[in-house]
Every structure is written in structure tokens, then in C-alpha cells.
Amino acid sequence: MLGEHPIDVVLLATDLGSSKEFYSGKLGLEILDENEVAIVYRCGGESQLVVTASTTGTAAEQTQAS
């Protein structure tokens, strides 16, 4: 069922420039929107990847499993 619908994924990054170099430069994802706090990439179909600026990156408490 999930495979029949678009999905948006949000990732945290401490360095948006490095994430842009990887997702756009190396993986070739198209940038749909970009500002000082986030970059939105087009994925397959209508799915999107959103990378948002974070001071803690994935070490943030909300990203850790209990």
C-alpha cells in the first residue's frame, strides 16, 4: 500500500552545503527548493527528500530510539 503513494523523508544535517554536494552532486537528485534552513530534493514519482539544518544533526534526542 505505501508503495502506491508518495512519501516525504526529512533528514537533519549540520552542514547543508555538504549534504547538497552529496544528494545533488553525487546522487544527482534535482533540487526543488532551497533556502538557508532546508533543501528539498525530488525523488521517484512525487516523493521528496527534505534536508533541514540542525545544530545537532542526527545526534538530536528526537532521532534516537528508546
Protein backbone atom coordinates (compact mmCIF):
# COMPACT_ATOMS: atom_id res chain seq x y z
CA MET A 1 0.00 0.00 0.00
CA LEU A 2 2.73 2.51 0.93
CA GLY A 3 4.49 1.86 -2.38
CA GLU A 4 1.48 3.29 -4.20
CA HIS A 5 1.75 6.73 -2.55
CA PRO A 6 4.38 9.48 -2.48
CA ILE A 7 6.45 9.70 0.67
CA ASP A 8 8.45 12.62 2.07
CA VAL A 9 11.52 11.93 4.19
CA VAL A 10 13.08 14.57 6.47
CA LEU A 11 16.73 14.31 7.48
CA LEU A 12 18.76 16.57 9.78
CA ALA A 13 22.18 17.89 8.72
CA THR A 14 24.72 20.08 10.45
CA ASP A 15 26.15 21.18 7.08
CA LEU A 16 23.65 21.85 4.30
CA GLY A 17 26.47 22.53 1.83
CA SER A 18 27.94 19.06 2.30
CA SER A 19 24.51 17.45 2.07
CA LYS A 20 23.85 19.37 -1.16
CA GLU A 21 27.16 18.19 -2.58
CA PHE A 22 26.20 14.58 -1.80
CA TYR A 23 22.50 14.43 -2.69
CA SER A 24 22.61 16.72 -5.70
CA GLY A 25 26.22 16.45 -6.83
CA LYS A 26 26.91 12.75 -6.30
CA LEU A 27 23.43 11.18 -6.37
CA GLY A 28 22.03 13.59 -8.96
CA LEU A 29 18.80 14.46 -7.14
CA GLU A 30 17.04 17.51 -8.52
CA ILE A 31 16.67 20.45 -6.12
CA LEU A 32 13.05 21.61 -5.93
CA ASP A 33 13.52 24.31 -3.29
CA GLU A 34 16.45 25.66 -1.31
CA ASN A 35 16.83 28.23 1.45
CA GLU A 36 19.07 28.84 4.46
CA VAL A 37 17.32 26.20 6.61
CA ALA A 38 16.37 23.40 4.20
CA ILE A 39 16.85 21.83 0.78
CA VAL A 40 14.06 19.85 -0.88
CA TYR A 41 15.01 17.20 -3.46
CA ARG A 42 12.83 15.35 -5.96
CA CYS A 43 12.94 11.58 -5.63
CA GLY A 44 10.98 8.94 -7.55
CA GLY A 45 7.42 9.84 -8.52
CA GLU A 46 6.07 12.55 -6.25
CA SER A 47 8.32 11.61 -3.31
CA GLN A 48 10.67 14.17 -1.81
CA LEU A 49 13.71 14.25 0.44
CA VAL A 50 13.93 17.26 2.76
CA VAL A 51 17.25 18.00 4.46
CA THR A 52 16.95 20.57 7.23
CA ALA A 53 19.68 22.46 9.05
CA SER A 54 20.32 21.29 12.59
CA THR A 55 22.89 22.23 15.19
CA THR A 56 22.98 18.65 16.49
CA GLY A 57 22.37 16.62 13.32
CA THR A 58 21.22 13.06 13.91
CA ALA A 59 22.53 13.16 17.47
CA ALA A 60 19.37 15.10 18.41
CA GLU A 61 17.33 13.34 21.09
CA GLN A 62 14.23 13.07 18.87
CA THR A 63 16.13 10.95 16.33
CA GLN A 64 17.30 8.32 18.81
CA ALA A 65 15.34 5.16 19.57
CA SER A 66 14.50 4.49 23.20
